[in-house]
Amino acid sequence: MSAALQFRRAAPADTDAIVALVESAYRGDASRAGWTTEADLLDGRRTGADDVAACIARPRSTILLAELDDDGGRDLVACAHVADEDGAGYFGMFSVRPGLQGGGIGKRLLEHAERFVREHWSLPVMRMTVIDVRDELIAFYERRGYRRTGIVKPFPYGDERFGIPRRDDLRFEVLEKPLG
């Protein structure tokens, strides 16, 4: 029997597994197995238990999990944080296990997140911030209907909660998609 992808909302007990997944997708040598690595841009942490716990506890905020449900149980393979921020959906902390990237799990989780924000919170648009030198990642989102807004935000240099930059030209660009 082949594995089926299942979605659910994270609980506090999932915190350590979420942190491990996010770190594996973005930092260090393990992240190089996938295409979303930031290892050439940033060192240090990508998230921590404090961030994950805050996302789970905050009202109108949740971390969505994607698990492969097989005969042997459930295996966490992807996650994303969604929240209501200023009347728009916010999408972040998007992570897929590096060895499974490119197989459609991320696309399905993104679609699930958009549907969740639209159906649970009736929000008209989804927004995210992406490091603007991540051309391949921006192109991934553009193929899924997101557009570059031209709004840029400074990278929080000096705040190691966001990583330790390996270059001095990083900034965030806001991408947006109508959910109508």
C-alpha atoms as a PDB file:
ATOM      1  CA  MET A   1       0.000   0.000   0.000  1.00  0.00           C
ATOM      2  CA  SER A   2       1.414   3.416  -0.937  1.00  0.00           C
ATOM      3  CA  ALA A   3       1.613   6.244   1.595  1.00  0.00           C
ATOM      4  CA  ALA A   4      -1.120   8.885   1.641  1.00  0.00           C
ATOM      5  CA  LEU A   5      -0.453  12.514   2.545  1.00  0.00           C
ATOM      6  CA  GLN A   6      -2.510  13.700   5.528  1.00  0.00           C
ATOM      7  CA  PHE A   7      -2.795  17.226   6.927  1.00  0.00           C
ATOM      8  CA  ARG A   8      -3.389  18.331  10.509  1.00  0.00           C
ATOM      9  CA  ARG A   9      -2.798  21.261  12.826  1.00  0.00           C
ATOM     10  CA  ALA A  10       0.268  21.103  15.053  1.00  0.00           C
ATOM     11  CA  ALA A  11       0.010  20.660  18.805  1.00  0.00           C
ATOM     12  CA  PRO A  12       2.601  21.691  21.415  1.00  0.00           C
ATOM     13  CA  ALA A  13       3.895  18.090  21.500  1.00  0.00           C
ATOM     14  CA  ASP A  14       4.983  18.509  17.836  1.00  0.00           C
ATOM     15  CA  THR A  15       7.382  21.380  18.601  1.00  0.00           C
ATOM     16  CA  ASP A  16      10.685  19.471  18.571  1.00  0.00           C
ATOM     17  CA  ALA A  17       9.824  17.601  15.360  1.00  0.00           C
ATOM     18  CA  ILE A  18       8.856  20.878  13.644  1.00  0.00           C
ATOM     19  CA  VAL A  19      12.110  22.585  14.662  1.00  0.00           C
ATOM     20  CA  ALA A  20      14.132  19.611  13.386  1.00  0.00           C
ATOM     21  CA  LEU A  21      12.250  19.599  10.054  1.00  0.00           C
ATOM     22  CA  VAL A  22      12.646  23.351   9.487  1.00  0.00           C
ATOM     23  CA  GLU A  23      16.347  23.294  10.361  1.00  0.00           C
ATOM     24  CA  SER A  24      16.946  20.311   8.036  1.00  0.00           C
ATOM     25  CA  ALA A  25      15.265  22.109   5.119  1.00  0.00           C
ATOM     26  CA  TYR A  26      17.205  25.378   5.404  1.00  0.00           C
ATOM     27  CA  ARG A  27      20.435  25.089   7.363  1.00  0.00           C
ATOM     28  CA  GLY A  28      23.618  23.070   7.242  1.00  0.00           C
ATOM     29  CA  ASP A  29      24.785  20.302   4.963  1.00  0.00           C
ATOM     30  CA  ALA A  30      21.589  18.238   5.360  1.00  0.00           C
ATOM     31  CA  SER A  31      19.629  21.051   3.685  1.00  0.00           C
ATOM     32  CA  ARG A  32      21.734  20.762   0.529  1.00  0.00           C
ATOM     33  CA  ALA A  33      19.865  17.552  -0.369  1.00  0.00           C
ATOM     34  CA  GLY A  34      16.915  19.783  -1.310  1.00  0.00           C
ATOM     35  CA  TRP A  35      16.605  22.942  -3.375  1.00  0.00           C
ATOM     36  CA  THR A  36      15.310  25.266  -0.607  1.00  0.00           C
ATOM     37  CA  THR A  37      18.578  25.458   1.306  1.00  0.00           C
ATOM     38  CA  GLU A  38      19.721  28.806   2.662  1.00  0.00           C
ATOM     39  CA  ALA A  39      23.085  27.362   3.734  1.00  0.00           C
ATOM     40  CA  ASP A  40      24.996  29.653   1.348  1.00  0.00           C
ATOM     41  CA  LEU A  41      23.136  32.719   2.648  1.00  0.00           C
ATOM     42  CA  LEU A  42      22.741  32.153   6.386  1.00  0.00           C
ATOM     43  CA  ASP A  43      24.246  30.229   9.264  1.00  0.00           C
ATOM     44  CA  GLY A  44      22.741  29.788  12.707  1.00  0.00           C
ATOM     45  CA  ARG A  45      19.192  28.849  13.456  1.00  0.00           C
ATOM     46  CA  ARG A  46      16.154  29.124  11.175  1.00  0.00           C
ATOM     47  CA  THR A  47      13.646  28.694  13.999  1.00  0.00           C
ATOM     48  CA  GLY A  48      13.502  27.493  17.570  1.00  0.00           C
ATOM     49  CA  ALA A  49      11.110  25.935  20.042  1.00  0.00           C
ATOM     50  CA  ASP A  50      10.195  29.423  21.268  1.00  0.00           C
ATOM     51  CA  ASP A  51       9.082  30.531  17.774  1.00  0.00           C
ATOM     52  CA  VAL A  52       7.141  27.333  17.108  1.00  0.00           C
ATOM     53  CA  ALA A  53       5.371  27.438  20.494  1.00  0.00           C
ATOM     54  CA  ALA A  54       4.393  31.082  19.919  1.00  0.00           C
ATOM     55  CA  CYS A  55       2.943  30.266  16.475  1.00  0.00           C
ATOM     56  CA  ILE A  56       0.871  27.410  17.906  1.00  0.00           C
ATOM     57  CA  ALA A  57      -0.379  29.398  20.917  1.00  0.00           C
ATOM     58  CA  ARG A  58      -1.251  32.664  19.165  1.00  0.00           C
ATOM     59  CA  PRO A  59      -4.908  33.247  18.233  1.00  0.00           C
ATOM     60  CA  ARG A  60      -5.677  32.932  14.494  1.00  0.00           C
ATOM     61  CA  SER A  61      -2.323  31.274  13.925  1.00  0.00           C
ATOM     62  CA  THR A  62      -1.422  27.646  13.397  1.00  0.00           C
ATOM     63  CA  ILE A  63       1.269  25.413  12.009  1.00  0.00           C
ATOM     64  CA  LEU A  64      -0.058  22.980   9.444  1.00  0.00           C
ATOM     65  CA  LEU A  65       1.642  19.602   9.217  1.00  0.00           C
ATOM     66  CA  ALA A  66       1.820  17.206   6.284  1.00  0.00           C
ATOM     67  CA  GLU A  67       2.409  13.598   7.219  1.00  0.00           C
ATOM     68  CA  LEU A  68       2.802  10.489   5.134  1.00  0.00           C
ATOM     69  CA  ASP A  69       0.321   7.988   6.487  1.00  0.00           C
ATOM     70  CA  ASP A  70       1.504   4.473   5.784  1.00  0.00           C
ATOM     71  CA  ASP A  71       1.074   1.037   7.314  1.00  0.00           C
ATOM     72  CA  GLY A  72       3.842   1.839   9.791  1.00  0.00           C
ATOM     73  CA  GLY A  73       2.253   5.041  11.138  1.00  0.00           C
ATOM     74  CA  ARG A  74       2.638   8.745  10.384  1.00  0.00           C
ATOM     75  CA  ASP A  75       5.836  10.485   9.368  1.00  0.00           C
ATOM     76  CA  LEU A  76       6.179  14.309   9.417  1.00  0.00           C
ATOM     77  CA  VAL A  77       7.385  15.432   5.973  1.00  0.00           C
ATOM     78  CA  ALA A  78       6.355  19.107   5.682  1.00  0.00           C
ATOM     79  CA  CYS A  79       5.024  22.070   7.634  1.00  0.00           C
ATOM     80  CA  ALA A  80       3.917  25.670   7.163  1.00  0.00           C
ATOM     81  CA  HIS A  81       2.848  28.453   9.496  1.00  0.00           C
ATOM     82  CA  VAL A  82      -0.300  30.397   8.608  1.00  0.00           C
ATOM     83  CA  ALA A  83      -1.742  33.340  10.504  1.00  0.00           C
ATOM     84  CA  ASP A  84      -4.111  36.269  10.230  1.00  0.00           C
ATOM     85  CA  GLU A  85      -1.906  39.354  10.025  1.00  0.00           C
ATOM     86  CA  ASP A  86      -3.593  42.692   9.425  1.00  0.00           C
ATOM     87  CA  GLY A  87      -6.551  41.104   7.613  1.00  0.00           C
ATOM     88  CA  ALA A  88      -4.429  38.996   5.270  1.00  0.00           C
ATOM     89  CA  GLY A  89      -3.201  35.458   5.496  1.00  0.00           C
ATOM     90  CA  TYR A  90       0.493  35.132   6.298  1.00  0.00           C
ATOM     91  CA  PHE A  91       2.412  32.098   5.043  1.00  0.00           C
ATOM     92  CA  GLY A  92       5.822  31.183   6.438  1.00  0.00           C
ATOM     93  CA  MET A  93       8.054  28.529   7.994  1.00  0.00           C
ATOM     94  CA  PHE A  94       7.367  26.449   4.866  1.00  0.00           C
ATOM     95  CA  SER A  95       9.512  23.345   5.001  1.00  0.00           C
ATOM     96  CA  VAL A  96       9.620  20.029   3.176  1.00  0.00           C
ATOM     97  CA  ARG A  97      12.051  17.264   4.121  1.00  0.00           C
ATOM     98  CA  PRO A  98      15.027  17.808   1.762  1.00  0.00           C
ATOM     99  CA  GLY A  99      15.011  14.315   0.215  1.00  0.00           C
ATOM    100  CA  LEU A 100      11.326  14.678  -0.685  1.00  0.00           C
ATOM    101  CA  GLN A 101      11.489  18.160  -2.231  1.00  0.00           C
ATOM    102  CA  GLY A 102      10.387  18.396  -5.834  1.00  0.00           C
ATOM    103  CA  GLY A 103       7.844  15.576  -5.489  1.00  0.00           C
ATOM    104  CA  GLY A 104       4.683  17.661  -5.076  1.00  0.00           C
ATOM    105  CA  ILE A 105       4.329  17.610  -1.287  1.00  0.00           C
ATOM    106  CA  GLY A 106       5.100  21.320  -1.006  1.00  0.00           C
ATOM    107  CA  LYS A 107       2.600  22.243  -3.714  1.00  0.00           C
ATOM    108  CA  ARG A 108      -0.112  20.272  -1.945  1.00  0.00           C
ATOM    109  CA  LEU A 109       0.693  21.820   1.436  1.00  0.00           C
ATOM    110  CA  LEU A 110       0.673  25.334  -0.057  1.00  0.00           C
ATOM    111  CA  GLU A 111      -2.767  24.659  -1.595  1.00  0.00           C
ATOM    112  CA  HIS A 112      -3.989  23.286   1.741  1.00  0.00           C
ATOM    113  CA  ALA A 113      -2.691  26.396   3.554  1.00  0.00           C
ATOM    114  CA  GLU A 114      -4.447  28.735   1.100  1.00  0.00           C
ATOM    115  CA  ARG A 115      -7.708  26.785   1.488  1.00  0.00           C
ATOM    116  CA  PHE A 116      -7.349  26.814   5.303  1.00  0.00           C
ATOM    117  CA  VAL A 117      -6.872  30.600   5.436  1.00  0.00           C
ATOM    118  CA  ARG A 118      -9.778  31.199   3.057  1.00  0.00           C
ATOM    119  CA  GLU A 119     -12.206  28.757   4.735  1.00  0.00           C
ATOM    120  CA  HIS A 120     -11.328  29.209   8.434  1.00  0.00           C
ATOM    121  CA  TRP A 121     -10.590  32.922   8.561  1.00  0.00           C
ATOM    122  CA  SER A 122     -12.268  34.233   5.365  1.00  0.00           C
ATOM    123  CA  LEU A 123      -9.157  36.175   4.406  1.00  0.00           C
ATOM    124  CA  PRO A 124      -8.976  37.560   0.848  1.00  0.00           C
ATOM    125  CA  VAL A 125      -5.231  37.334   0.233  1.00  0.00           C
ATOM    126  CA  MET A 126      -2.143  35.371   1.247  1.00  0.00           C
ATOM    127  CA  ARG A 127       1.158  37.174   1.825  1.00  0.00           C
ATOM    128  CA  MET A 128       4.664  36.008   2.526  1.00  0.00           C
ATOM    129  CA  THR A 129       8.155  37.397   2.704  1.00  0.00           C
ATOM    130  CA  VAL A 130      10.990  35.792   0.744  1.00  0.00           C
ATOM    131  CA  ILE A 131      14.669  36.720   0.744  1.00  0.00           C
ATOM    132  CA  ASP A 132      14.822  38.621  -2.541  1.00  0.00           C
ATOM    133  CA  VAL A 133      17.984  36.935  -3.852  1.00  0.00           C
ATOM    134  CA  ARG A 134      16.160  33.556  -3.797  1.00  0.00           C
ATOM    135  CA  ASP A 135      15.169  33.741  -7.477  1.00  0.00           C
ATOM    136  CA  GLU A 136      14.323  30.019  -7.788  1.00  0.00           C
ATOM    137  CA  LEU A 137      12.054  30.177  -4.743  1.00  0.00           C
ATOM    138  CA  ILE A 138      10.305  33.341  -5.946  1.00  0.00           C
ATOM    139  CA  ALA A 139       9.771  31.651  -9.333  1.00  0.00           C
ATOM    140  CA  PHE A 140       8.200  28.633  -7.534  1.00  0.00           C
ATOM    141  CA  TYR A 141       5.668  30.945  -5.873  1.00  0.00           C
ATOM    142  CA  GLU A 142       5.032  32.934  -9.066  1.00  0.00           C
ATOM    143  CA  ARG A 143       4.095  29.683 -10.854  1.00  0.00           C
ATOM    144  CA  ARG A 144       1.468  29.228  -8.131  1.00  0.00           C
ATOM    145  CA  GLY A 145      -0.126  32.649  -8.625  1.00  0.00           C
ATOM    146  CA  TYR A 146       1.900  34.813  -6.256  1.00  0.00           C
ATOM    147  CA  ARG A 147       3.147  38.154  -7.480  1.00  0.00           C
ATOM    148  CA  ARG A 148       5.991  40.364  -6.412  1.00  0.00           C
ATOM    149  CA  THR A 149       4.569  43.462  -4.748  1.00  0.00           C
ATOM    150  CA  GLY A 150       7.760  45.536  -4.929  1.00  0.00           C
ATOM    151  CA  ILE A 151       7.532  46.014  -1.161  1.00  0.00           C
ATOM    152  CA  VAL A 152      10.848  45.210   0.477  1.00  0.00           C
ATOM    153  CA  LYS A 153      11.696  44.939   4.145  1.00  0.00           C
ATOM    154  CA  PRO A 154      15.150  45.045   5.691  1.00  0.00           C
ATOM    155  CA  PHE A 155      16.757  41.833   6.853  1.00  0.00           C
ATOM    156  CA  PRO A 156      17.122  41.924  10.666  1.00  0.00           C
ATOM    157  CA  TYR A 157      20.917  41.985  10.742  1.00  0.00           C
ATOM    158  CA  GLY A 158      22.193  41.507  14.274  1.00  0.00           C
ATOM    159  CA  ASP A 159      19.164  39.474  15.416  1.00  0.00           C
ATOM    160  CA  GLU A 160      20.429  35.896  15.441  1.00  0.00           C
ATOM    161  CA  ARG A 161      16.862  34.548  15.814  1.00  0.00           C
ATOM    162  CA  PHE A 162      16.700  35.003  12.014  1.00  0.00           C
ATOM    163  CA  GLY A 163      20.101  33.463  11.310  1.00  0.00           C
ATOM    164  CA  ILE A 164      23.628  34.744  10.891  1.00  0.00           C
ATOM    165  CA  PRO A 165      23.994  36.299   7.426  1.00  0.00           C
ATOM    166  CA  ARG A 166      26.878  35.220   5.219  1.00  0.00           C
ATOM    167  CA  ARG A 167      26.431  38.300   2.998  1.00  0.00           C
ATOM    168  CA  ASP A 168      25.409  41.915   3.472  1.00  0.00           C
ATOM    169  CA  ASP A 169      22.799  42.389   0.730  1.00  0.00           C
ATOM    170  CA  LEU A 170      19.870  40.392   2.122  1.00  0.00           C
ATOM    171  CA  ARG A 171      16.367  41.807   2.360  1.00  0.00           C
ATOM    172  CA  PHE A 172      12.837  40.452   2.226  1.00  0.00           C
ATOM    173  CA  GLU A 173      10.349  40.990  -0.588  1.00  0.00           C
ATOM    174  CA  VAL A 174       6.608  40.668  -0.003  1.00  0.00           C
ATOM    175  CA  LEU A 175       4.760  38.283  -2.349  1.00  0.00           C
ATOM    176  CA  GLU A 176       0.970  38.201  -2.514  1.00  0.00           C
ATOM    177  CA  LYS A 177      -1.846  36.122  -3.991  1.00  0.00           C
ATOM    178  CA  PRO A 178      -5.598  36.785  -4.004  1.00  0.00           C
ATOM    179  CA  LEU A 179      -7.503  33.847  -2.503  1.00  0.00           C
ATOM    180  CA  GLY A 180     -10.873  34.622  -4.125  1.00  0.00           C
END
